Protein backbone atom coordinates (compact mmCIF):
# COMPACT_ATOMS: atom_id res chain seq x y z
CA MET A 1 36.80 133.18 4.75
CA LEU A 2 33.40 135.08 4.04
CA ASN A 3 33.54 138.47 3.24
CA ILE A 4 30.62 140.51 2.98
CA HIS A 5 31.03 143.41 2.08
CA HIS A 6 27.22 145.74 2.83
CA ASP A 7 25.92 149.07 1.49
CA GLU A 8 22.63 150.59 2.33
CA SER A 9 22.84 152.62 -0.99
CA ARG A 10 21.77 149.11 -3.33
CA PRO A 11 19.33 147.97 -1.85
CA SER A 12 17.82 143.91 -3.42
CA ARG A 13 17.46 144.04 -6.62
CA VAL A 14 14.87 141.28 -8.95
CA THR A 15 15.69 140.77 -12.81
CA VAL A 16 13.00 138.58 -14.22
CA ALA A 17 13.15 137.54 -17.28
CA PHE A 18 9.89 135.93 -19.47
CA GLU A 19 9.91 134.84 -22.96
CA ASP A 20 8.34 138.12 -23.90
CA GLY A 21 11.63 140.31 -22.00
CA ALA A 22 12.47 141.34 -18.95
CA LEU A 23 11.80 143.40 -16.10
CA SER A 24 14.15 144.57 -13.05
CA PHE A 25 12.39 145.67 -9.90
CA MET A 26 13.45 146.92 -6.02
CA LEU A 27 13.02 144.83 -3.15
CA SER A 28 11.36 146.35 0.81
CA LYS A 29 13.73 146.17 3.05
CA ASP A 30 11.09 144.27 4.74
CA ALA A 31 10.26 142.09 2.45
CA THR A 32 9.93 138.64 2.44
CA PHE A 33 9.94 135.55 -0.21
CA GLU A 34 7.20 135.38 0.56
CA ASP A 35 5.96 138.87 -0.46
CA LEU A 36 8.65 138.07 -3.78
CA ALA A 37 6.61 134.60 -5.10
CA ASP A 38 3.40 136.30 -5.13
CA GLN A 39 4.64 139.74 -6.89
CA LEU A 40 6.55 136.57 -9.26
CA GLY A 41 2.58 135.02 -9.64
CA ARG A 42 0.92 138.51 -10.47
CA LEU A 43 3.29 139.20 -12.94
CA GLY A 44 4.24 135.83 -14.85
CA ALA A 45 -0.44 136.78 -15.32
CA ARG A 46 0.76 139.85 -16.70
CA HIS A 47 3.05 138.66 -19.54
CA HIS A 48 1.42 134.85 -20.60
CA GLY A 49 3.69 132.78 -18.59
CA LYS A 50 6.14 131.56 -16.50
CA PRO A 51 9.63 133.36 -16.15
CA VAL A 52 12.27 132.14 -17.46
CA ALA A 53 15.13 132.93 -15.33
CA ILE A 54 15.09 134.75 -12.41
CA GLU A 55 18.10 136.45 -10.80
CA VAL A 56 17.86 138.45 -7.09
CA LYS A 57 20.27 139.67 -5.56
CA LEU A 58 19.76 140.68 -2.04
CA ALA A 59 21.82 143.27 0.51
CA ALA A 60 23.18 141.99 2.41
CA LEU A 61 21.61 141.94 6.34
CA SER A 62 23.72 144.46 8.50
CA ALA A 63 22.93 141.24 11.18
CA LEU A 64 25.39 139.59 9.53
CA ARG A 65 27.72 142.42 9.86
CA ASP A 66 27.45 143.23 13.23
CA ALA A 67 27.64 138.97 14.21
CA ASP A 68 31.35 139.98 13.79
């Protein structure tokens, strides 16, 4: 059984590693994967290259909790 814990205090967070360093940022509650891709493209231009690693921690959706 999948146990999903919903915590409103923990928003979605993205950590991106480039060859010259890493950075983290929060995703807005209504962000889409298209928004994330756009942000990663802008960051890649600033860091002169593509990310070498991306970690996305998504906040649990309340709809999943309510489905039980």
